[in-house]
């Protein structure tokens, strides 16, 4: 039972990440998430749906095998078909071409085919789903854990703009998760000093992707790694090794500086995730590219202080 619940949680998180990808791709500007009073989840974005929504709701994609590329969240193919099959009820609405299209399912079976329900002056897609209690027993979603996840995504992707509303509480609680300062905000939340934070942003086609790093010499929050917005904190991950190599070369010592607080985020065209929990990044080209960028930035920072 515990495994099933975790798998469903992972699938519905991917529905949220699929909506986030619409923002990252430039087709939408915001994502709204509502935990409804009757135990459902409503996810909306204001973009124009690109994929065939009916097909996405009924055909299982290879969503665990296809990386999404450097611009999008890892494996957020929005496994809508999985959520649909495991939901006692799912309603999807598309607002496009001046009208609203609505379709409804029960445990993955079509109840109402895509039907025009009326005019609209907006664009976007809304999916409302209710997990099947006969499958999962308990279907409550932890709002705190969801806030943490959405905040992490917003810190790693400064264009993301989430609003989360919990209608299960009285009064309703709403929180906006938007961090235009990106990793500087991230290291600050970990205890770093924003006034003494070194940042690195680089694109390096030798590793097929981009690097984003924020490093504060204070706070003691440690070194944290992400690849395509997925936590990759196993110590032998190549981006973490690259940061260590770059710091060692610039500072002349192998150990991390005491008090260091740093977040490194790489976004790759073809990330290689391995390890028991797939939280180790194995792309070999990443290590020297990150090391060179970190060394150059730290040496320049030190030179500017002399």
Protein backbone atom coordinates (compact mmCIF):
# COMPACT_ATOMS: atom_id res chain seq x y z
CA UNK A 1 0.00 0.00 0.00
CA UNK A 2 2.79 2.43 0.90
CA UNK A 3 4.51 1.88 -2.44
CA UNK A 4 1.27 2.45 -4.33
CA UNK A 5 0.64 5.73 -2.56
CA UNK A 6 4.16 6.95 -3.25
CA UNK A 7 3.82 6.01 -6.92
CA UNK A 8 0.55 7.94 -7.16
CA UNK A 9 2.11 10.93 -5.42
CA UNK A 10 4.97 10.82 -7.92
CA UNK A 11 2.52 10.70 -10.82
CA UNK A 12 0.42 13.61 -9.63
CA UNK A 13 3.55 15.64 -8.91
CA UNK A 14 4.41 15.08 -12.57
CA UNK A 15 1.06 16.58 -13.56
CA UNK A 16 2.17 19.73 -11.73
CA UNK A 17 5.57 19.58 -13.39
CA UNK A 18 3.96 19.09 -16.79
CA UNK A 19 2.08 22.35 -16.25
CA UNK A 20 5.33 23.98 -15.10
CA UNK A 21 6.94 22.93 -18.38
CA UNK A 22 4.39 25.06 -20.21
CA UNK A 23 5.85 28.07 -18.38
CA UNK A 24 9.46 27.03 -18.96
CA UNK A 25 8.75 26.57 -22.67
CA UNK A 26 7.32 30.09 -22.87
CA UNK A 27 3.76 29.01 -23.65
CA UNK A 28 2.33 29.97 -20.24
CA UNK A 29 3.11 32.45 -17.47
CA UNK A 30 1.83 30.82 -14.30
CA UNK A 31 0.57 27.60 -12.68
CA UNK A 32 -2.23 27.43 -10.13
CA UNK A 33 -2.64 24.41 -7.86
CA UNK A 34 -5.66 23.91 -5.60
CA UNK A 35 -6.18 21.16 -3.02
CA UNK A 36 -9.97 21.00 -3.08
CA UNK A 37 -12.20 20.49 -0.05
CA UNK A 38 -13.42 17.13 -1.38
CA UNK A 39 -9.90 15.67 -1.63
CA UNK A 40 -9.17 16.47 -5.25
CA UNK A 41 -6.33 18.35 -6.90
CA UNK A 42 -6.89 21.07 -9.51
CA UNK A 43 -3.95 22.08 -11.70
CA UNK A 44 -4.24 24.97 -14.16
CA UNK A 45 -1.95 26.89 -16.47
CA UNK A 46 -2.73 29.80 -18.76
CA UNK A 47 -0.96 28.58 -21.89
CA UNK A 48 -2.17 27.02 -25.12
CA UNK A 49 -2.14 23.22 -24.91
CA UNK A 50 0.28 21.81 -27.49
CA UNK A 51 -0.27 18.07 -27.08
CA UNK A 52 -3.46 16.16 -27.87
CA UNK A 53 -5.00 16.24 -24.40
CA UNK A 54 -7.38 13.32 -24.98
CA UNK A 55 -4.46 11.16 -26.12
CA UNK A 56 -2.31 12.27 -23.17
CA UNK A 57 -5.11 11.21 -20.82
CA UNK A 58 -5.51 7.73 -22.28
CA UNK A 59 -2.19 6.59 -23.79
CA UNK A 60 0.67 5.62 -21.50
CA UNK A 61 3.86 7.44 -22.56
CA UNK A 62 7.38 6.27 -21.87
CA UNK A 63 7.52 8.95 -19.22
CA UNK A 64 10.26 7.30 -17.18
CA UNK A 65 12.63 6.92 -20.11
CA UNK A 66 12.62 10.21 -22.01
CA UNK A 67 14.58 13.14 -20.60
CA UNK A 68 12.88 16.41 -21.46
CA UNK A 69 15.97 18.37 -22.51
CA UNK A 70 17.77 21.20 -20.81
CA UNK A 71 14.92 23.71 -20.81
CA UNK A 72 12.31 21.50 -19.13
CA UNK A 73 11.90 19.53 -15.93
CA UNK A 74 13.35 16.02 -15.95
CA UNK A 75 10.81 13.35 -16.90
CA UNK A 76 7.86 15.69 -16.50
CA UNK A 77 6.09 14.20 -19.51
CA UNK A 78 2.97 14.76 -17.43
CA UNK A 79 1.92 11.15 -16.97
CA UNK A 80 -1.73 12.11 -17.20
CA UNK A 81 -2.76 8.63 -18.30
CA UNK A 82 -1.37 7.16 -15.07
CA UNK A 83 -3.20 9.68 -12.90
CA UNK A 84 -6.37 9.21 -14.97
CA UNK A 85 -6.34 5.44 -14.51
CA UNK A 86 -5.81 5.80 -10.75
CA UNK A 87 -8.43 8.51 -10.23
CA UNK A 88 -12.03 7.82 -9.36
CA UNK A 89 -12.87 10.92 -11.40
CA UNK A 90 -10.93 13.26 -13.67
CA UNK A 91 -12.21 16.32 -15.51
CA UNK A 92 -10.09 18.20 -18.04
CA UNK A 93 -10.90 21.53 -19.64
CA UNK A 94 -9.08 23.33 -22.45
CA UNK A 95 -9.69 27.00 -23.12
CA UNK A 96 -8.70 27.76 -26.71
CA UNK A 97 -10.00 29.28 -29.92
CA UNK A 98 -12.62 31.24 -27.97
CA UNK A 99 -14.38 28.21 -26.47
CA UNK A 100 -14.00 25.74 -23.59
CA UNK A 101 -13.59 22.03 -24.38
CA UNK A 102 -14.47 19.62 -21.53
CA UNK A 103 -13.93 15.86 -21.12
CA UNK A 104 -14.54 13.58 -18.15
CA UNK A 105 -13.24 10.15 -17.07
CA UNK A 106 -13.81 7.63 -14.28
CA UNK A 107 -10.90 5.30 -13.43
CA UNK A 108 -9.50 5.95 -16.91
CA UNK A 109 -12.75 5.21 -18.75
CA UNK A 110 -14.22 7.96 -20.90
CA UNK A 111 -17.54 9.26 -19.56
CA UNK A 112 -17.91 12.44 -21.60
CA UNK A 113 -15.96 12.94 -24.84
CA UNK A 114 -14.39 16.33 -25.59
CA UNK A 115 -17.36 18.69 -25.79
CA UNK A 116 -17.63 22.44 -26.28
CA UNK A 117 -19.34 23.84 -23.17
CA UNK A 118 -19.36 27.55 -23.98
CA UNK A 119 -17.40 30.64 -24.99
CA UNK A 120 -14.27 31.84 -23.20
CA UNK A 121 -11.92 34.79 -23.48
CA UNK A 122 -8.96 32.99 -21.90
CA UNK A 123 -6.43 30.33 -22.78
CA UNK A 124 -5.19 27.49 -20.64
CA UNK A 125 -5.79 23.97 -19.41
CA UNK A 126 -7.31 22.80 -16.13
CA UNK A 127 -7.20 19.23 -14.86
CA UNK A 128 -9.12 18.19 -11.72
CA UNK A 129 -8.55 14.68 -10.39
CA UNK A 130 -9.57 12.64 -7.33
CA UNK A 131 -7.45 9.63 -6.31
CA UNK A 132 -9.30 6.32 -6.08
CA UNK A 133 -9.76 5.38 -2.38
CA UNK A 134 -10.40 1.74 -3.35
CA UNK A 135 -6.83 1.58 -4.62
CA UNK A 136 -5.00 3.72 -2.09
CA UNK A 137 -7.08 3.76 1.07
CA UNK A 138 -5.64 7.08 2.20
CA UNK A 139 -5.35 9.72 -0.50
CA UNK A 140 -4.58 12.87 1.48
CA UNK A 141 -1.86 15.03 -0.02
CA UNK A 142 0.58 16.67 2.40
CA UNK A 143 0.29 20.39 1.66
CA UNK A 144 3.57 21.14 3.44
CA UNK A 145 5.51 18.65 1.34
CA UNK A 146 3.90 20.02 -1.82
CA UNK A 147 4.85 23.60 -0.87
CA UNK A 148 8.43 22.47 -0.32
CA UNK A 149 8.54 20.78 -3.73
CA UNK A 150 7.03 23.71 -5.61
CA UNK A 151 9.31 26.16 -3.80
CA UNK A 152 12.33 24.07 -4.77
CA UNK A 153 11.26 24.13 -8.42
CA UNK A 154 10.67 27.89 -8.27
CA UNK A 155 14.10 28.49 -6.71
CA UNK A 156 15.76 26.42 -9.44
CA UNK A 157 13.75 28.02 -12.26
CA UNK A 158 13.31 31.74 -11.72
CA UNK A 159 10.57 32.12 -14.36
CA UNK A 160 8.25 29.66 -12.62
CA UNK A 161 5.33 31.23 -10.79
CA UNK A 162 3.17 28.91 -8.68
CA UNK A 163 0.12 29.66 -6.58
CA UNK A 164 -0.97 26.92 -4.16
CA UNK A 165 -4.34 27.12 -2.40
CA UNK A 166 -5.49 24.64 0.25
CA UNK A 167 -9.30 24.67 0.36
CA UNK A 168 -9.34 21.93 2.99
CA UNK A 169 -8.64 24.52 5.70
CA UNK A 170 -10.77 27.29 7.17
CA UNK A 171 -9.90 29.89 6.15
CA UNK A 172 -8.33 28.73 2.89
CA UNK A 173 -4.56 29.11 2.77
CA UNK A 174 -2.88 30.49 -0.35
CA UNK A 175 0.84 30.77 -0.98
CA UNK A 176 2.69 32.17 -3.97
CA UNK A 177 5.99 30.52 -4.87
CA UNK A 178 8.03 32.72 -7.19
CA UNK A 179 11.74 33.51 -6.80
CA UNK A 180 13.14 35.83 -9.50
CA UNK A 181 16.51 35.87 -7.69
CA UNK A 182 16.80 32.11 -8.23
CA UNK A 183 19.72 30.38 -6.55
CA UNK A 184 20.66 33.45 -4.51
CA UNK A 185 17.33 33.03 -2.72
CA UNK A 186 18.06 29.30 -2.45
CA UNK A 187 21.40 29.75 -0.68
CA UNK A 188 19.88 32.46 1.53
CA UNK A 189 17.20 30.01 2.67
CA UNK A 190 20.01 27.56 3.51
CA UNK A 191 21.74 30.15 5.69
CA UNK A 192 24.02 31.93 3.24
CA UNK A 193 24.60 35.67 3.14
CA UNK A 194 23.07 37.18 -0.04
CA UNK A 195 25.48 40.11 0.17
CA UNK A 196 28.45 37.73 0.00
CA UNK A 197 27.19 35.25 -2.57
CA UNK A 198 29.16 34.40 -5.70
CA UNK A 199 27.09 33.40 -8.73
CA UNK A 200 28.07 31.58 -11.90
CA UNK A 201 25.91 31.23 -15.01
CA UNK A 202 27.36 29.53 -18.07
CA UNK A 203 26.46 27.57 -21.18
CA UNK A 204 28.94 24.92 -22.27
CA UNK A 205 28.11 22.80 -25.29
CA UNK A 206 30.92 20.39 -24.37
CA UNK A 207 28.63 19.09 -21.66
CA UNK A 208 25.48 19.82 -23.65
CA UNK A 209 23.88 22.19 -21.21
CA UNK A 210 23.97 25.08 -18.78
CA UNK A 211 25.41 25.71 -15.33
CA UNK A 212 23.89 27.83 -12.58
CA UNK A 213 25.73 28.16 -9.25
CA UNK A 214 25.29 30.27 -6.13
CA UNK A 215 27.97 30.05 -3.47
CA UNK A 216 28.16 31.76 -0.10
CA UNK A 217 31.18 31.44 2.16
CA UNK A 218 28.95 31.57 5.25
CA UNK A 219 25.97 29.73 6.68
CA UNK A 220 27.34 26.19 6.74
CA UNK A 221 24.50 24.86 4.62
CA UNK A 222 26.75 22.55 2.61
CA UNK A 223 26.81 21.74 -1.10
CA UNK A 224 23.59 20.77 -2.90
CA UNK A 225 23.24 19.53 -6.47
CA UNK A 226 20.45 19.42 -9.04
CA UNK A 227 20.27 18.24 -12.63
CA UNK A 228 17.32 19.29 -14.79
CA UNK A 229 15.64 20.41 -11.55
CA UNK A 230 15.96 16.93 -10.08
CA UNK A 231 17.85 16.54 -6.80
CA UNK A 232 21.14 14.76 -7.48
CA UNK A 233 23.00 14.86 -4.21
CA UNK A 234 24.94 11.58 -4.22
CA UNK A 235 28.53 12.56 -3.48
CA UNK A 236 29.96 11.12 -6.70
CA UNK A 237 27.63 13.13 -8.94
CA UNK A 238 29.77 14.75 -11.60
CA UNK A 239 28.50 18.31 -11.06
CA UNK A 240 29.30 18.08 -7.33
CA UNK A 241 32.75 16.71 -8.11
CA UNK A 242 33.23 19.57 -10.55
CA UNK A 243 32.44 22.16 -7.88
CA UNK A 244 34.89 20.48 -5.50
CA UNK A 245 37.58 20.35 -8.20
CA UNK A 246 37.10 24.00 -9.11
CA UNK A 247 37.24 25.16 -5.50
CA UNK A 248 40.33 23.03 -4.83
CA UNK A 249 42.13 24.49 -7.85
CA UNK A 250 41.22 28.07 -6.96
CA UNK A 251 41.83 27.84 -3.22
CA UNK A 252 44.73 25.39 -3.17
CA UNK A 253 43.11 22.89 -0.81
CA UNK A 254 41.00 19.79 -1.32
CA UNK A 255 38.48 20.15 1.50
CA UNK A 256 35.43 22.36 1.16
CA UNK A 257 35.73 25.70 2.98
CA UNK A 258 34.21 25.74 6.45
CA UNK A 259 30.83 27.45 6.43
CA UNK A 260 30.25 26.93 2.70
CA UNK A 261 26.67 27.14 1.43
CA UNK A 262 26.28 26.37 -2.27
CA UNK A 263 23.72 25.15 -4.79
CA UNK A 264 24.77 23.94 -8.23
CA UNK A 265 22.15 23.34 -10.91
CA UNK A 266 22.95 21.94 -14.34
CA UNK A 267 20.42 21.56 -17.13
CA UNK A 268 21.45 19.05 -19.74
CA UNK A 269 20.14 17.84 -23.07
CA UNK A 270 20.76 14.21 -22.06
CA UNK A 271 21.23 13.79 -18.30
CA UNK A 272 22.42 10.39 -17.07
CA UNK A 273 20.83 9.53 -13.72
CA UNK A 274 22.09 6.46 -11.88
CA UNK A 275 22.34 4.98 -8.40
CA UNK A 276 19.78 3.12 -6.31
CA UNK A 277 17.54 6.19 -6.12
CA UNK A 278 18.71 7.69 -9.43
CA UNK A 279 20.09 10.68 -7.55
CA UNK A 280 23.61 10.43 -8.97
CA UNK A 281 24.49 12.39 -12.11
CA UNK A 282 26.99 10.46 -14.24
CA UNK A 283 27.60 12.68 -17.29
CA UNK A 284 31.39 12.59 -17.51
CA UNK A 285 31.77 15.83 -19.46
CA UNK A 286 30.02 17.79 -16.73
CA UNK A 287 32.83 17.49 -14.17
CA UNK A 288 35.62 19.32 -16.06
CA UNK A 289 33.23 21.94 -17.44
CA UNK A 290 31.85 22.79 -14.01
CA UNK A 291 35.35 22.72 -12.50
CA UNK A 292 36.71 25.19 -15.05
CA UNK A 293 33.79 27.59 -14.61
CA UNK A 294 34.00 27.47 -10.81
CA UNK A 295 37.77 27.94 -10.77
CA UNK A 296 37.58 30.95 -13.08
CA UNK A 297 34.78 32.58 -11.06
CA UNK A 298 36.42 32.03 -7.67
CA UNK A 299 39.81 33.27 -8.88
CA UNK A 300 38.18 36.37 -10.37
CA UNK A 301 36.27 36.95 -7.13
CA UNK A 302 39.45 36.73 -5.08
CA UNK A 303 41.33 39.00 -7.51
CA UNK A 304 38.62 41.61 -7.17
CA UNK A 305 39.03 41.62 -3.39
CA UNK A 306 42.82 42.06 -3.44
